[in-house]
C-alpha atoms as a PDB file:
ATOM      1  CA  MET A   1       0.231  10.953  23.448  1.00  0.00           C
ATOM      2  CA  SER A   2       2.151   8.607  25.747  1.00  0.00           C
ATOM      3  CA  ARG A   3       2.721   4.914  25.282  1.00  0.00           C
ATOM      4  CA  GLN A   4       0.513   4.155  28.255  1.00  0.00           C
ATOM      5  CA  GLU A   5      -2.423   5.839  26.538  1.00  0.00           C
ATOM      6  CA  LEU A   6      -1.848   3.857  23.332  1.00  0.00           C
ATOM      7  CA  LEU A   7      -2.079   0.456  25.011  1.00  0.00           C
ATOM      8  CA  SER A   8      -4.371  -0.238  27.969  1.00  0.00           C
ATOM      9  CA  PRO A   9      -3.470  -2.576  30.885  1.00  0.00           C
ATOM     10  CA  GLU A  10      -5.889  -5.090  29.306  1.00  0.00           C
ATOM     11  CA  GLY A  11      -3.824  -5.074  26.107  1.00  0.00           C
ATOM     12  CA  LEU A  12      -6.329  -3.055  24.053  1.00  0.00           C
ATOM     13  CA  ARG A  13      -5.342  -0.237  21.730  1.00  0.00           C
ATOM     14  CA  VAL A  14      -7.076   3.131  21.278  1.00  0.00           C
ATOM     15  CA  ASP A  15      -9.384   1.697  18.590  1.00  0.00           C
ATOM     16  CA  GLY A  16     -10.220  -1.433  20.604  1.00  0.00           C
ATOM     17  CA  ARG A  17      -7.982  -3.867  18.700  1.00  0.00           C
ATOM     18  CA  ARG A  18      -5.587  -6.387  20.189  1.00  0.00           C
ATOM     19  CA  ALA A  19      -1.885  -5.953  19.458  1.00  0.00           C
ATOM     20  CA  ASN A  20      -1.889  -8.520  16.627  1.00  0.00           C
ATOM     21  CA  GLU A  21      -5.127  -7.428  14.916  1.00  0.00           C
ATOM     22  CA  LEU A  22      -5.401  -5.754  11.517  1.00  0.00           C
ATOM     23  CA  ARG A  23      -7.864  -2.970  10.911  1.00  0.00           C
ATOM     24  CA  ARG A  24     -10.919  -3.806   8.817  1.00  0.00           C
ATOM     25  CA  ILE A  25     -10.098  -4.110   5.106  1.00  0.00           C
ATOM     26  CA  LEU A  26     -12.542  -3.332   2.280  1.00  0.00           C
ATOM     27  CA  CYS A  27     -11.340  -3.403  -1.315  1.00  0.00           C
ATOM     28  CA  ARG A  28     -12.691  -3.586  -4.866  1.00  0.00           C
ATOM     29  CA  ALA A  29     -11.088  -3.776  -8.296  1.00  0.00           C
ATOM     30  CA  SER A  30     -12.425  -2.279 -11.545  1.00  0.00           C
ATOM     31  CA  VAL A  31     -14.003   0.794  -9.977  1.00  0.00           C
ATOM     32  CA  LEU A  32     -13.129   3.226 -12.822  1.00  0.00           C
ATOM     33  CA  ASN A  33     -14.242   2.601 -16.397  1.00  0.00           C
ATOM     34  CA  THR A  34     -11.781   5.094 -17.895  1.00  0.00           C
ATOM     35  CA  ALA A  35      -8.595   3.432 -16.574  1.00  0.00           C
ATOM     36  CA  ASP A  36      -6.865   0.254 -17.767  1.00  0.00           C
ATOM     37  CA  GLY A  37      -6.945  -0.935 -14.168  1.00  0.00           C
ATOM     38  CA  SER A  38      -8.309   0.555 -10.974  1.00  0.00           C
ATOM     39  CA  ALA A  39      -8.987  -0.185  -7.332  1.00  0.00           C
ATOM     40  CA  TYR A  40     -10.525   1.238  -4.188  1.00  0.00           C
ATOM     41  CA  TYR A  41      -8.829   0.134  -0.976  1.00  0.00           C
ATOM     42  CA  GLU A  42      -9.812   0.898   2.586  1.00  0.00           C
ATOM     43  CA  GLN A  43      -7.852  -0.162   5.671  1.00  0.00           C
ATOM     44  CA  GLY A  44      -9.417   1.154   8.837  1.00  0.00           C
ATOM     45  CA  ASN A  45     -10.157   4.809   8.120  1.00  0.00           C
ATOM     46  CA  THR A  46      -7.397   5.167   5.531  1.00  0.00           C
ATOM     47  CA  LYS A  47      -8.885   5.136   2.028  1.00  0.00           C
ATOM     48  CA  VAL A  48      -7.133   5.175  -1.354  1.00  0.00           C
ATOM     49  CA  LEU A  49      -8.299   5.232  -4.970  1.00  0.00           C
ATOM     50  CA  VAL A  50      -5.866   4.043  -7.670  1.00  0.00           C
ATOM     51  CA  ALA A  51      -5.907   4.235 -11.456  1.00  0.00           C
ATOM     52  CA  VAL A  52      -3.401   2.442 -13.702  1.00  0.00           C
ATOM     53  CA  TYR A  53      -2.787   3.328 -17.350  1.00  0.00           C
ATOM     54  CA  GLY A  54      -0.623   1.247 -19.650  1.00  0.00           C
ATOM     55  CA  PRO A  55       1.485  -0.267 -20.761  1.00  0.00           C
ATOM     56  CA  ARG A  56       1.450   2.471 -23.377  1.00  0.00           C
ATOM     57  CA  GLU A  57       3.958   4.301 -25.534  1.00  0.00           C
ATOM     58  CA  SER A  58       6.283   6.536 -23.567  1.00  0.00           C
ATOM     59  CA  ARG A  59       5.224  10.152 -23.751  1.00  0.00           C
ATOM     60  CA  ILE A  60       8.844  11.363 -23.505  1.00  0.00           C
ATOM     61  CA  ARG A  61      10.882   9.359 -25.982  1.00  0.00           C
ATOM     62  CA  SER A  62      14.193  10.265 -24.369  1.00  0.00           C
ATOM     63  CA  GLN A  63      13.077   8.451 -21.196  1.00  0.00           C
ATOM     64  CA  SER A  64      11.980   5.328 -23.067  1.00  0.00           C
ATOM     65  CA  GLN A  65      13.972   2.131 -22.428  1.00  0.00           C
ATOM     66  CA  HIS A  66      14.443  -0.269 -25.336  1.00  0.00           C
ATOM     67  CA  ASP A  67      14.377  -3.409 -23.188  1.00  0.00           C
ATOM     68  CA  HIS A  68      11.816  -2.682 -20.447  1.00  0.00           C
ATOM     69  CA  ALA A  69       8.929  -0.477 -19.356  1.00  0.00           C
ATOM     70  CA  ILE A  70       9.389   2.521 -17.106  1.00  0.00           C
ATOM     71  CA  VAL A  71       7.074   2.924 -14.116  1.00  0.00           C
ATOM     72  CA  ASN A  72       5.694   6.338 -13.195  1.00  0.00           C
ATOM     73  CA  VAL A  73       3.903   6.946  -9.905  1.00  0.00           C
ATOM     74  CA  GLU A  74       1.976  10.054  -8.892  1.00  0.00           C
ATOM     75  CA  PHE A  75       0.573  10.411  -5.369  1.00  0.00           C
ATOM     76  CA  ASN A  76      -1.933  13.059  -4.343  1.00  0.00           C
ATOM     77  CA  ILE A  77      -3.753  13.813  -1.116  1.00  0.00           C
ATOM     78  CA  ALA A  78      -7.311  15.123  -1.140  1.00  0.00           C
ATOM     79  CA  PRO A  79      -7.505  18.398   0.824  1.00  0.00           C
ATOM     80  CA  PHE A  80     -10.341  16.890   2.902  1.00  0.00           C
ATOM     81  CA  SER A  81      -8.421  13.683   3.757  1.00  0.00           C
ATOM     82  CA  THR A  82      -7.091  15.001   7.073  1.00  0.00           C
ATOM     83  CA  SER A  83      -8.125  17.549   9.699  1.00  0.00           C
ATOM     84  CA  GLU A  84      -5.414  19.798   8.266  1.00  0.00           C
ATOM     85  CA  ARG A  85      -7.238  21.489   5.360  1.00  0.00           C
ATOM     86  CA  ARG A  86      -4.529  22.425   2.884  1.00  0.00           C
ATOM     87  CA  LYS A  87      -3.743  21.637  -0.707  1.00  0.00           C
ATOM     88  CA  ARG A  88      -0.298  20.164  -1.238  1.00  0.00           C
ATOM     89  CA  SER A  89       1.764  21.004  -4.305  1.00  0.00           C
ATOM     90  CA  LYS A  90       3.110  18.259  -6.575  1.00  0.00           C
ATOM     91  CA  GLY A  91       6.592  19.120  -5.279  1.00  0.00           C
ATOM     92  CA  ASP A  92       5.629  18.384  -1.656  1.00  0.00           C
ATOM     93  CA  LYS A  93       8.426  16.308  -0.109  1.00  0.00           C
ATOM     94  CA  ARG A  94       6.113  13.752   1.542  1.00  0.00           C
ATOM     95  CA  LEU A  95       4.137  13.193  -1.665  1.00  0.00           C
ATOM     96  CA  LEU A  96       7.317  12.621  -3.656  1.00  0.00           C
ATOM     97  CA  GLU A  97       8.706  10.317  -0.972  1.00  0.00           C
ATOM     98  CA  ILE A  98       5.668   8.005  -0.958  1.00  0.00           C
ATOM     99  CA  ALA A  99       5.526   8.005  -4.778  1.00  0.00           C
ATOM    100  CA  SER A 100       9.212   7.046  -4.853  1.00  0.00           C
ATOM    101  CA  PHE A 101       8.745   4.159  -2.404  1.00  0.00           C
ATOM    102  CA  VAL A 102       5.799   2.811  -4.417  1.00  0.00           C
ATOM    103  CA  ARG A 103       7.690   3.146  -7.712  1.00  0.00           C
ATOM    104  CA  GLN A 104      10.790   1.365  -6.394  1.00  0.00           C
ATOM    105  CA  THR A 105       8.657  -1.415  -4.921  1.00  0.00           C
ATOM    106  CA  PHE A 106       6.840  -2.158  -8.173  1.00  0.00           C
ATOM    107  CA  GLU A 107       9.854  -1.750 -10.433  1.00  0.00           C
ATOM    108  CA  GLY A 108      11.111  -4.952  -8.868  1.00  0.00           C
ATOM    109  CA  ALA A 109       7.768  -6.800  -9.012  1.00  0.00           C
ATOM    110  CA  ILE A 110       6.452  -5.891 -12.466  1.00  0.00           C
ATOM    111  CA  GLN A 111       7.884  -7.993 -15.302  1.00  0.00           C
ATOM    112  CA  ARG A 112       9.025  -4.873 -17.113  1.00  0.00           C
ATOM    113  CA  SER A 113      10.970  -6.715 -19.818  1.00  0.00           C
ATOM    114  CA  VAL A 114       7.615  -7.924 -21.192  1.00  0.00           C
ATOM    115  CA  TYR A 115       6.804  -4.303 -22.140  1.00  0.00           C
ATOM    116  CA  PRO A 116       9.837  -2.732 -23.896  1.00  0.00           C
ATOM    117  CA  ARG A 117       9.718   0.938 -24.983  1.00  0.00           C
ATOM    118  CA  SER A 118       6.594   1.602 -22.931  1.00  0.00           C
ATOM    119  CA  GLN A 119       5.468   3.119 -19.662  1.00  0.00           C
ATOM    120  CA  ILE A 120       3.071   2.149 -16.896  1.00  0.00           C
ATOM    121  CA  ASP A 121       1.454   5.000 -14.963  1.00  0.00           C
ATOM    122  CA  ILE A 122       0.100   4.549 -11.437  1.00  0.00           C
ATOM    123  CA  TYR A 123      -2.017   7.365  -9.995  1.00  0.00           C
ATOM    124  CA  LEU A 124      -2.706   7.194  -6.249  1.00  0.00           C
ATOM    125  CA  HIS A 125      -5.260   9.425  -4.562  1.00  0.00           C
ATOM    126  CA  LEU A 126      -5.516   9.447  -0.763  1.00  0.00           C
ATOM    127  CA  LEU A 127      -9.153  10.125   0.128  1.00  0.00           C
ATOM    128  CA  GLN A 128      -8.855   9.761   3.903  1.00  0.00           C
ATOM    129  CA  HIS A 129      -5.861   9.395   6.192  1.00  0.00           C
ATOM    130  CA  ASP A 130      -5.674   7.537   9.491  1.00  0.00           C
ATOM    131  CA  GLY A 131      -2.242   5.897   9.438  1.00  0.00           C
ATOM    132  CA  GLY A 132      -0.548   3.395   7.145  1.00  0.00           C
ATOM    133  CA  THR A 133      -0.602   5.521   4.002  1.00  0.00           C
ATOM    134  CA  LEU A 134       2.325   3.746   2.335  1.00  0.00           C
ATOM    135  CA  GLU A 135       1.030   0.221   3.030  1.00  0.00           C
ATOM    136  CA  THR A 136      -2.440   1.176   1.820  1.00  0.00           C
ATOM    137  CA  CYS A 137      -1.060   2.689  -1.400  1.00  0.00           C
ATOM    138  CA  ILE A 138       1.010  -0.420  -2.160  1.00  0.00           C
ATOM    139  CA  ASN A 139      -1.905  -2.792  -1.548  1.00  0.00           C
ATOM    140  CA  ALA A 140      -4.256  -0.651  -3.632  1.00  0.00           C
ATOM    141  CA  ALA A 141      -1.705  -0.382  -6.456  1.00  0.00           C
ATOM    142  CA  THR A 142      -1.265  -4.173  -6.488  1.00  0.00           C
ATOM    143  CA  LEU A 143      -5.002  -4.643  -6.932  1.00  0.00           C
ATOM    144  CA  ALA A 144      -5.152  -2.039  -9.723  1.00  0.00           C
ATOM    145  CA  LEU A 145      -2.146  -3.531 -11.571  1.00  0.00           C
ATOM    146  CA  VAL A 146      -3.702  -7.007 -11.459  1.00  0.00           C
ATOM    147  CA  ASP A 147      -6.941  -5.474 -12.725  1.00  0.00           C
ATOM    148  CA  ALA A 148      -5.002  -3.892 -15.622  1.00  0.00           C
ATOM    149  CA  GLY A 149      -3.555  -7.297 -16.544  1.00  0.00           C
ATOM    150  CA  ILE A 150       0.045  -6.160 -15.931  1.00  0.00           C
ATOM    151  CA  SER A 151       2.442  -9.121 -15.641  1.00  0.00           C
ATOM    152  CA  MET A 152       3.993  -9.321 -12.186  1.00  0.00           C
ATOM    153  CA  ASP A 153       6.134 -11.874 -10.374  1.00  0.00           C
ATOM    154  CA  ASP A 154       3.552 -11.951  -7.583  1.00  0.00           C
ATOM    155  CA  TYR A 155       1.222  -9.760  -5.606  1.00  0.00           C
ATOM    156  CA  VAL A 156       2.980  -7.128  -3.497  1.00  0.00           C
ATOM    157  CA  CYS A 157       1.385  -6.985  -0.037  1.00  0.00           C
ATOM    158  CA  ALA A 158       2.359  -4.414   2.576  1.00  0.00           C
ATOM    159  CA  CYS A 159       1.706  -3.910   6.268  1.00  0.00           C
ATOM    160  CA  THR A 160       2.993  -1.796   9.131  1.00  0.00           C
ATOM    161  CA  ALA A 161       3.991  -2.839  12.624  1.00  0.00           C
ATOM    162  CA  GLY A 162       5.325  -0.965  15.624  1.00  0.00           C
ATOM    163  CA  PHE A 163       6.370  -1.353  19.234  1.00  0.00           C
ATOM    164  CA  ILE A 164       4.343  -0.040  22.189  1.00  0.00           C
ATOM    165  CA  ASP A 165       5.008  -0.810  25.862  1.00  0.00           C
ATOM    166  CA  GLU A 166       7.414  -3.650  25.014  1.00  0.00           C
ATOM    167  CA  THR A 167       4.726  -5.157  22.766  1.00  0.00           C
ATOM    168  CA  PRO A 168       4.868  -5.540  18.960  1.00  0.00           C
ATOM    169  CA  VAL A 169       1.662  -4.119  17.439  1.00  0.00           C
ATOM    170  CA  LEU A 170       0.242  -4.676  13.954  1.00  0.00           C
ATOM    171  CA  ASP A 171      -1.136  -2.166  11.435  1.00  0.00           C
ATOM    172  CA  LEU A 172      -0.660   1.215  13.128  1.00  0.00           C
ATOM    173  CA  ASN A 173      -3.513   3.715  13.066  1.00  0.00           C
ATOM    174  CA  GLY A 174      -3.092   7.479  12.895  1.00  0.00           C
ATOM    175  CA  ALA A 175      -2.805   8.032  16.661  1.00  0.00           C
ATOM    176  CA  GLU A 176      -0.173   5.302  17.038  1.00  0.00           C
ATOM    177  CA  GLU A 177       1.749   6.419  13.969  1.00  0.00           C
ATOM    178  CA  SER A 178       1.880  10.063  15.042  1.00  0.00           C
ATOM    179  CA  SER A 179       3.302   9.216  18.478  1.00  0.00           C
ATOM    180  CA  ILE A 180       7.025  10.015  18.532  1.00  0.00           C
ATOM    181  CA  GLU A 181       7.508   7.100  20.944  1.00  0.00           C
ATOM    182  CA  THR A 182       6.198   4.444  18.525  1.00  0.00           C
ATOM    183  CA  PRO A 183       8.662   2.984  15.987  1.00  0.00           C
ATOM    184  CA  ASP A 184       6.936   2.530  12.624  1.00  0.00           C
ATOM    185  CA  LEU A 185       8.053  -0.266  10.289  1.00  0.00           C
ATOM    186  CA  THR A 186       6.488  -0.792   6.840  1.00  0.00           C
ATOM    187  CA  VAL A 187       7.121  -4.138   5.143  1.00  0.00           C
ATOM    188  CA  ALA A 188       6.090  -5.291   1.671  1.00  0.00           C
ATOM    189  CA  ILE A 189       6.526  -8.914   0.593  1.00  0.00           C
ATOM    190  CA  LEU A 190       5.944 -11.177  -2.396  1.00  0.00           C
ATOM    191  CA  PRO A 191       3.767 -13.781  -0.635  1.00  0.00           C
ATOM    192  CA  ARG A 192       4.605 -16.893  -2.678  1.00  0.00           C
ATOM    193  CA  SER A 193       8.376 -16.575  -2.329  1.00  0.00           C
ATOM    194  CA  GLY A 194       8.388 -14.662   0.938  1.00  0.00           C
ATOM    195  CA  ASN A 195      10.892 -12.201  -0.551  1.00  0.00           C
ATOM    196  CA  ILE A 196      10.857  -8.700   0.917  1.00  0.00           C
ATOM    197  CA  ALA A 197      10.105  -5.990  -1.658  1.00  0.00           C
ATOM    198  CA  LEU A 198      10.258  -3.043   0.751  1.00  0.00           C
ATOM    199  CA  LEU A 199      11.510  -2.452   4.272  1.00  0.00           C
ATOM    200  CA  GLN A 200      11.123   1.077   5.556  1.00  0.00           C
ATOM    201  CA  MET A 201      11.334   2.439   9.098  1.00  0.00           C
ATOM    202  CA  GLU A 202      10.382   5.906  10.307  1.00  0.00           C
ATOM    203  CA  SER A 203      12.254   5.817  13.631  1.00  0.00           C
ATOM    204  CA  LYS A 204      14.781   3.856  15.666  1.00  0.00           C
ATOM    205  CA  LEU A 205      14.156   0.378  17.079  1.00  0.00           C
ATOM    206  CA  HIS A 206      16.649  -1.802  18.929  1.00  0.00           C
ATOM    207  CA  SER A 207      17.841  -4.780  16.880  1.00  0.00           C
ATOM    208  CA  SER A 208      16.701  -7.211  19.597  1.00  0.00           C
ATOM    209  CA  LYS A 209      13.100  -6.050  19.084  1.00  0.00           C
ATOM    210  CA  LEU A 210      13.185  -5.767  15.301  1.00  0.00           C
ATOM    211  CA  GLU A 211      12.690  -9.479  14.586  1.00  0.00           C
ATOM    212  CA  GLY A 212       9.406  -9.696  16.495  1.00  0.00           C
ATOM    213  CA  VAL A 213       8.035  -6.558  14.829  1.00  0.00           C
ATOM    214  CA  LEU A 214       9.137  -7.763  11.381  1.00  0.00           C
ATOM    215  CA  GLU A 215       7.553 -11.203  11.867  1.00  0.00           C
ATOM    216  CA  LEU A 216       4.267  -9.598  12.911  1.00  0.00           C
ATOM    217  CA  ALA A 217       4.262  -7.320   9.857  1.00  0.00           C
ATOM    218  CA  VAL A 218       4.934 -10.286   7.547  1.00  0.00           C
ATOM    219  CA  GLU A 219       1.974 -12.158   9.060  1.00  0.00           C
ATOM    220  CA  GLY A 220      -0.159  -9.101   8.392  1.00  0.00           C
ATOM    221  CA  CYS A 221       1.023  -9.094   4.760  1.00  0.00           C
ATOM    222  CA  LYS A 222      -0.068 -12.729   4.354  1.00  0.00           C
ATOM    223  CA  HIS A 223      -3.553 -11.920   5.632  1.00  0.00           C
ATOM    224  CA  ILE A 224      -3.780  -8.932   3.286  1.00  0.00           C
ATOM    225  CA  HIS A 225      -2.765 -11.227   0.399  1.00  0.00           C
ATOM    226  CA  ARG A 226      -5.867 -13.324   1.020  1.00  0.00           C
ATOM    227  CA  LYS A 227      -8.035 -10.180   1.023  1.00  0.00           C
ATOM    228  CA  LEU A 228      -6.566  -8.993  -2.289  1.00  0.00           C
ATOM    229  CA  ASP A 229      -7.020 -12.440  -3.809  1.00  0.00           C
ATOM    230  CA  GLU A 230     -10.691 -12.403  -2.796  1.00  0.00           C
ATOM    231  CA  ALA A 231     -11.136  -8.982  -4.424  1.00  0.00           C
ATOM    232  CA  VAL A 232      -9.532 -10.159  -7.691  1.00  0.00           C
ATOM    233  CA  LEU A 233     -11.776 -13.237  -7.735  1.00  0.00           C
ATOM    234  CA  ALA A 234     -14.859 -11.104  -7.066  1.00  0.00           C
ATOM    235  CA  ALA A 235     -13.952  -8.771  -9.960  1.00  0.00           C
ATOM    236  CA  ALA A 236     -13.413 -11.759 -12.277  1.00  0.00           C
ATOM    237  CA  ASN A 237     -16.800 -13.204 -11.296  1.00  0.00           C
ATOM    238  CA  ASP A 238     -18.483  -9.831 -11.930  1.00  0.00           C
ATOM    239  CA  LEU A 239     -16.903  -9.645 -15.385  1.00  0.00           C
ATOM    240  CA  ALA A 240     -17.922 -13.209 -16.230  1.00  0.00           C
ATOM    241  CA  GLU A 241     -21.487 -12.465 -15.161  1.00  0.00           C
ATOM    242  CA  LYS A 242     -21.632  -9.321 -17.347  1.00  0.00           C
ATOM    243  CA  LEU A 243     -20.268 -11.205 -20.358  1.00  0.00           C
ATOM    244  CA  SER A 244     -22.831 -13.984 -19.932  1.00  0.00           C
ATOM    245  CA  HIS A 245     -25.755 -11.545 -20.338  1.00  0.00           C
END
């Protein structure tokens, strides 16, 4: 797919969005009764379910840290999530890579010293894929961790941005992401401080263009923060209503 096909002369993308528009976001916390925290998060046609367990005693004592919690992340893809119908093994390189990015991101955001000699497990399940898997997993994990009552410095909010036809574009979909001509930048921030928790790029982008793409991604993160905040408030209101009956 060429760049010209990805962005029309009128400035519209293949899914009808403007360059600076996010895909539709739907999210809910407390969707699983069996987990300490859980969330369903949908951004465009990319859909993720997350379960968080812990903090709990480390299953492998040799890995336990006396002064902080360890964070474990497991990422799985449903065989029906893409047009490519195949089951991936737990050793799949892409699965391990995304799990590693999520783990590193939250190791810096979770107040791990509050939970010595314990572990926090984050299970991510990709139900449907249409671009932005890493950003969607991070946003869903944030919602599930808040739902579990895990102490964090702040929300972690992530968004992608790219560059098509000399134009920075926000929140890449599957068609845009799969184009070899589109640089793909994923940014995660702590909204209150503005600190960057993750900066990951799939391909090359000239330094003169990076600033504009980065700024657009950060703006997307701020919008996503408001969406996550609304979901947390909605879950709190639901709980208060149940307790009142």
